[in-house]
Amino acid sequence: MATIKYLIAKDTDFQWGLVTKTVGLQDVVPGSPYPPKGHPEDHDFQPEGGRILQDIHILYIIKGQGWFSSTHQPTTRINAGDVVVLFPNEWHTYSPDPATGWTETWIGFTGDLAKQLLEKYGFSPADPIRKVGVSNKLIMAFEQAYDVAEKQLPAYQQQLAGYVGLIISTVYAKSLQQPYLDNPDTDHINLSMKIMRQNLNRIMLMEEVAAEIGMGYSKFRKVFKDYTGFSPTQYFLRLKMEQAKDYLLNTSLSSKEIAYRLGFDSVSYFIKVFHQHHGLTPSDLRRQFGRQKN
């Protein structure tokens, strides 16, 4: 069973920097020929010979398993929950295991913005496979993109550009999140962030937080930074600065009162830290948004 749309785009569509060329889903039963019939000549191929495409494709395996190889990627087993990015002008081939078959969905697109998105998120011909798991949200994004492609209402290409961005960012996020799924450290880190938010009004040592969640400080600091991108101290300070910004924009509290509320001993130090984080002083922020009290 295959549901496939091949699309064309107007010159004005390319001004968005991203146009979609194809969206599809096909279920390949065990032992059946691959690929199924129905693809145009420039997309059809034989697994033993491979092919070269002119556009970028994101292939998502929903069920089953098989193999993938390309100019830069040696033959690699791929499984349900794996995403493969097919790059333009890069020879590649793939096929399901005849014993299992597979269900695959894909979206093909091109444009300068598309290339920038993939480069920004670290996708490259030398690293084309992402393990994201079987995700209902990701499957739904492909299905919704197909629905838009099938109806082809006015501005459908612009809608599809949004779905391509959603799919790329979701693949990127889920590939990074995989190590934290069903990991007890994740619960510890989330609890530590909750403790920090509840204690913005005081000076709090991160060793205290580690002890409260039952984790050694060295491990806590490493896991926290891997998880958030910040050390615990940096994260706690950023929370304070975001709260300070909220106070400045939504209350009439002075900088001195805000500094006190956030556990700073010195208003001058508070102003210095605020400037480092936001690029302007509390007074400048208020003037910028029409609030004069400092």
Protein backbone atom coordinates (compact mmCIF):
# COMPACT_ATOMS: atom_id res chain seq x y z
CA MET A 1 0.00 0.00 0.00
CA ALA A 2 1.39 3.40 -0.96
CA THR A 3 0.06 6.95 -0.71
CA ILE A 4 2.37 9.33 -2.55
CA LYS A 5 2.20 12.91 -3.75
CA TYR A 6 4.67 14.48 -6.16
CA LEU A 7 4.37 18.26 -6.26
CA ILE A 8 5.34 21.23 -8.39
CA ALA A 9 6.09 24.74 -7.20
CA LYS A 10 5.65 28.26 -8.59
CA ASP A 11 8.51 30.74 -8.81
CA THR A 12 6.94 32.70 -5.93
CA ASP A 13 7.04 29.57 -3.74
CA PHE A 14 10.82 29.48 -4.03
CA GLN A 15 10.98 32.96 -2.50
CA TRP A 16 10.21 31.30 0.86
CA GLY A 17 13.50 29.44 0.58
CA LEU A 18 11.89 26.01 0.85
CA VAL A 19 9.56 24.08 -1.42
CA THR A 20 8.28 20.55 -1.01
CA LYS A 21 8.54 18.13 -3.91
CA THR A 22 7.08 14.90 -2.50
CA VAL A 23 5.33 13.48 0.55
CA GLY A 24 4.47 9.83 0.96
CA LEU A 25 3.83 6.75 3.05
CA GLN A 26 4.14 3.14 1.97
CA ASP A 27 3.79 -0.17 3.73
CA VAL A 28 6.08 -2.87 2.31
CA VAL A 29 4.93 -6.34 3.38
CA PRO A 30 7.55 -9.06 4.02
CA GLY A 31 8.90 -10.66 0.86
CA SER A 32 7.39 -8.13 -1.56
CA PRO A 33 9.39 -6.38 -4.32
CA TYR A 34 11.05 -3.10 -3.37
CA PRO A 35 10.48 -0.39 -4.23
CA PRO A 36 6.80 -0.79 -5.15
CA LYS A 37 5.65 0.45 -8.55
CA GLY A 38 4.26 3.96 -9.00
CA HIS A 39 7.28 6.22 -8.56
CA PRO A 40 8.34 8.58 -11.38
CA GLU A 41 11.51 7.75 -13.25
CA ASP A 42 13.73 10.22 -11.36
CA HIS A 43 12.71 8.67 -8.00
CA ASP A 44 12.56 5.01 -8.98
CA PHE A 45 15.60 2.80 -8.38
CA GLN A 46 16.80 -0.73 -7.83
CA PRO A 47 18.39 -1.34 -4.40
CA GLU A 48 21.39 -3.12 -5.93
CA GLY A 49 22.21 -0.09 -8.11
CA GLY A 50 21.09 2.78 -5.90
CA ARG A 51 20.33 6.27 -7.14
CA ILE A 52 21.19 9.98 -6.88
CA LEU A 53 18.44 12.51 -6.12
CA GLN A 54 18.45 16.24 -6.77
CA ASP A 55 16.44 17.17 -3.66
CA ILE A 56 16.73 16.56 0.07
CA HIS A 57 14.58 13.75 1.49
CA ILE A 58 13.85 12.78 5.07
CA LEU A 59 12.97 9.08 5.36
CA TYR A 60 11.39 7.79 8.58
CA ILE A 61 11.07 4.07 9.29
CA ILE A 62 7.92 3.48 11.35
CA LYS A 63 7.91 -0.33 11.41
CA GLY A 64 10.29 -3.13 10.40
CA GLN A 65 13.97 -2.96 9.57
CA GLY A 66 16.39 -2.97 6.66
CA TRP A 67 19.65 -1.48 5.37
CA PHE A 68 20.98 1.85 4.15
CA SER A 69 24.24 2.86 2.53
CA SER A 70 25.55 5.90 0.69
CA THR A 71 28.76 7.40 -0.63
CA HIS A 72 29.68 8.54 2.88
CA GLN A 73 27.82 5.91 4.94
CA PRO A 74 28.82 2.23 4.88
CA THR A 75 26.04 -0.35 4.81
CA THR A 76 24.16 0.14 8.09
CA ARG A 77 21.17 -1.65 9.57
CA ILE A 78 18.24 0.70 10.18
CA ASN A 79 15.26 -0.08 12.38
CA ALA A 80 11.84 1.24 13.29
CA GLY A 81 12.34 4.68 14.83
CA ASP A 82 15.32 5.60 12.64
CA VAL A 83 15.42 8.65 10.38
CA VAL A 84 17.65 8.85 7.32
CA VAL A 85 18.43 12.11 5.53
CA LEU A 86 19.04 11.67 1.81
CA PHE A 87 21.22 14.45 0.46
CA PRO A 88 21.14 15.80 -3.09
CA ASN A 89 23.85 14.55 -5.46
CA GLU A 90 24.80 11.85 -2.93
CA TRP A 91 24.60 8.25 -4.15
CA HIS A 92 22.56 6.07 -1.79
CA THR A 93 20.52 2.91 -1.60
CA TYR A 94 18.24 1.31 0.96
CA SER A 95 15.74 -1.50 1.23
CA PRO A 96 13.68 -3.34 3.85
CA ASP A 97 14.67 -6.73 5.20
CA PRO A 98 12.59 -9.24 3.18
CA ALA A 99 11.83 -11.10 6.42
CA THR A 100 10.19 -8.09 8.08
CA GLY A 101 9.29 -5.59 5.39
CA TRP A 102 8.80 -2.07 6.71
CA THR A 103 6.55 0.95 6.83
CA GLU A 104 8.24 4.13 5.67
CA THR A 105 7.19 7.73 5.35
CA TRP A 106 9.12 10.58 3.75
CA ILE A 107 9.13 14.18 2.67
CA GLY A 108 11.30 15.61 -0.12
CA PHE A 109 12.14 19.30 -0.41
CA THR A 110 14.67 21.82 -1.67
CA GLY A 111 15.70 25.46 -1.30
CA ASP A 112 18.29 27.62 0.44
CA LEU A 113 16.37 27.66 3.73
CA ALA A 114 16.15 23.86 3.69
CA LYS A 115 19.92 23.57 3.34
CA GLN A 116 20.48 26.11 6.12
CA LEU A 117 18.16 24.23 8.49
CA LEU A 118 19.95 20.92 7.97
CA GLU A 119 23.35 22.54 8.37
CA LYS A 120 22.23 24.39 11.50
CA TYR A 121 21.02 21.18 13.12
CA GLY A 122 24.19 19.27 12.24
CA PHE A 123 22.90 16.93 9.52
CA SER A 124 25.45 15.99 6.87
CA PRO A 125 26.12 13.24 4.29
CA ALA A 126 28.72 11.83 6.71
CA ASP A 127 26.13 11.57 9.49
CA PRO A 128 22.75 10.93 7.83
CA ILE A 129 21.05 8.63 10.38
CA ARG A 130 19.24 9.72 13.53
CA LYS A 131 17.72 7.37 16.09
CA VAL A 132 14.58 9.10 17.34
CA GLY A 133 12.30 6.19 18.27
CA VAL A 134 8.77 5.58 17.02
CA SER A 135 7.04 8.88 17.78
CA ASN A 136 3.32 9.43 17.29
CA LYS A 137 3.91 13.19 17.10
CA LEU A 138 6.47 12.78 14.33
CA ILE A 139 4.26 10.35 12.44
CA MET A 140 1.39 12.84 12.76
CA ALA A 141 3.57 15.62 11.31
CA PHE A 142 4.22 13.51 8.20
CA GLU A 143 0.54 12.59 7.95
CA GLN A 144 -0.58 16.21 8.25
CA ALA A 145 1.97 17.25 5.62
CA TYR A 146 0.55 14.59 3.31
CA ASP A 147 -2.99 15.88 3.93
CA VAL A 148 -1.89 19.40 2.94
CA ALA A 149 -0.13 18.05 -0.16
CA GLU A 150 -3.18 16.04 -1.16
CA LYS A 151 -5.61 18.99 -1.00
CA GLN A 152 -3.20 21.56 -2.50
CA LEU A 153 -5.21 24.56 -1.33
CA PRO A 154 -3.83 28.06 -1.97
CA ALA A 155 -0.48 28.65 -0.18
CA TYR A 156 -0.10 24.92 0.48
CA GLN A 157 3.62 25.14 -0.28
CA GLN A 158 4.03 27.68 2.52
CA GLN A 159 2.18 25.36 4.90
CA LEU A 160 4.42 22.48 3.88
CA ALA A 161 7.49 24.62 4.54
CA GLY A 162 6.27 24.86 8.13
CA TYR A 163 5.87 21.09 8.38
CA VAL A 164 9.38 20.53 7.00
CA GLY A 165 10.75 22.84 9.69
CA LEU A 166 8.71 21.01 12.33
CA ILE A 167 9.95 17.61 11.14
CA ILE A 168 13.62 18.67 11.05
CA SER A 169 13.50 20.29 14.50
CA THR A 170 11.60 17.32 15.97
CA VAL A 171 14.12 14.83 14.58
CA TYR A 172 16.95 16.94 15.99
CA ALA A 173 15.33 17.24 19.43
CA LYS A 174 14.30 13.62 19.74
CA SER A 175 17.72 12.33 18.71
CA LEU A 176 19.24 14.34 21.57
CA GLN A 177 16.49 13.35 24.01
CA GLN A 178 16.76 9.59 23.43
CA PRO A 179 19.46 8.99 26.09
CA TYR A 180 17.23 10.61 28.72
CA LEU A 181 14.11 8.55 28.12
CA ASP A 182 13.45 6.13 31.01
CA ASN A 183 16.61 7.49 32.67
CA PRO A 184 16.21 8.15 36.41
CA ASP A 185 18.71 11.02 36.14
CA THR A 186 16.10 12.91 34.10
CA ASP A 187 13.70 12.94 37.06
CA HIS A 188 16.52 14.12 39.33
CA ILE A 189 17.40 17.01 37.03
CA ASN A 190 13.78 18.06 36.62
CA LEU A 191 13.39 18.01 40.40
CA SER A 192 16.53 20.12 40.82
CA MET A 193 15.15 22.73 38.41
CA LYS A 194 11.91 22.82 40.37
CA ILE A 195 13.87 23.35 43.61
CA MET A 196 15.77 26.24 41.99
CA ARG A 197 12.57 27.92 40.80
CA GLN A 198 11.13 27.67 44.30
CA ASN A 199 14.20 29.32 45.86
CA LEU A 200 14.86 32.34 43.67
CA ASN A 201 14.63 34.59 46.72
CA ARG A 202 17.76 33.24 48.36
CA ILE A 203 21.41 32.46 47.88
CA MET A 204 21.50 28.74 47.32
CA LEU A 205 24.57 26.58 46.91
CA MET A 206 24.28 23.95 44.21
CA GLU A 207 25.77 21.41 46.60
CA GLU A 208 22.56 21.88 48.62
CA VAL A 209 20.45 21.09 45.56
CA ALA A 210 22.50 17.97 44.77
CA ALA A 211 22.10 16.75 48.34
CA GLU A 212 18.35 17.39 48.27
CA ILE A 213 17.85 15.25 45.18
CA GLY A 214 20.17 12.53 46.48
CA MET A 215 22.96 12.88 43.93
CA GLY A 216 26.68 13.51 44.39
CA TYR A 217 27.63 17.04 43.35
CA SER A 218 30.18 16.06 40.68
CA LYS A 219 27.70 13.78 38.92
CA PHE A 220 24.88 16.30 39.39
CA ARG A 221 26.89 19.07 37.76
CA LYS A 222 27.90 16.90 34.78
CA VAL A 223 24.44 15.45 34.18
CA PHE A 224 22.79 18.85 34.62
CA LYS A 225 25.09 20.49 32.08
CA ASP A 226 24.64 17.64 29.59
CA TYR A 227 20.88 17.95 30.00
CA THR A 228 20.46 21.74 29.91
CA GLY A 229 23.64 23.14 28.37
CA PHE A 230 24.29 25.19 31.54
CA SER A 231 26.04 24.48 34.78
CA PRO A 232 23.62 24.44 37.76
CA THR A 233 24.96 27.82 38.96
CA GLN A 234 24.54 29.40 35.51
CA TYR A 235 21.02 28.02 35.21
CA PHE A 236 20.00 29.29 38.66
CA LEU A 237 21.36 32.74 37.85
CA ARG A 238 19.51 32.83 34.52
CA LEU A 239 16.27 31.97 36.32
CA LYS A 240 16.88 34.90 38.66
CA MET A 241 17.55 37.25 35.74
CA GLU A 242 14.37 36.19 33.94
CA GLN A 243 12.41 36.77 37.14
CA ALA A 244 14.10 40.17 37.53
CA LYS A 245 13.03 41.10 33.99
CA ASP A 246 9.45 40.11 34.81
CA TYR A 247 9.49 42.26 37.96
CA LEU A 248 10.85 45.25 36.03
CA LEU A 249 8.24 45.02 33.29
CA ASN A 250 5.21 44.08 35.35
CA THR A 251 5.66 45.69 38.78
CA SER A 252 6.75 49.03 40.20
CA LEU A 253 9.41 47.48 42.43
CA SER A 254 12.72 49.35 42.45
CA SER A 255 15.98 47.72 41.43
CA LYS A 256 16.95 47.66 45.10
CA GLU A 257 13.72 45.88 46.05
CA ILE A 258 14.11 43.39 43.21
CA ALA A 259 17.72 42.69 44.16
CA TYR A 260 16.60 41.98 47.72
CA ARG A 261 13.78 39.71 46.56
CA LEU A 262 16.21 37.68 44.48
CA GLY A 263 18.75 37.20 47.25
CA PHE A 264 21.38 39.72 46.13
CA ASP A 265 23.33 41.41 48.93
CA SER A 266 24.27 44.37 46.73
CA VAL A 267 22.07 46.28 44.27
CA SER A 268 25.18 47.28 42.29
CA TYR A 269 26.11 43.60 41.83
CA PHE A 270 22.52 42.82 40.80
CA ILE A 271 22.63 45.59 38.17
CA LYS A 272 26.00 44.30 36.89
CA VAL A 273 24.74 40.72 36.54
CA PHE A 274 21.49 41.90 34.92
CA HIS A 275 23.47 43.89 32.34
CA GLN A 276 25.67 40.87 31.59
CA HIS A 277 22.61 38.72 30.90
CA HIS A 278 20.31 41.16 29.10
CA GLY A 279 22.73 43.65 27.54
CA LEU A 280 21.19 46.66 29.28
CA THR A 281 20.63 47.90 32.81
CA PRO A 282 17.32 47.58 34.68
CA SER A 283 16.74 51.33 34.18
CA ASP A 284 17.44 51.03 30.44
CA LEU A 285 15.01 48.13 30.16
CA ARG A 286 12.24 50.11 31.84
CA ARG A 287 12.87 53.17 29.68
CA GLN A 288 12.79 51.00 26.58
CA PHE A 289 9.34 49.69 27.52
CA GLY A 290 8.00 52.96 28.90
CA ARG A 291 8.39 52.22 32.61
CA GLN A 292 10.46 54.85 34.33
CA LYS A 293 10.88 53.72 37.96
CA ASN A 294 14.26 52.15 38.78
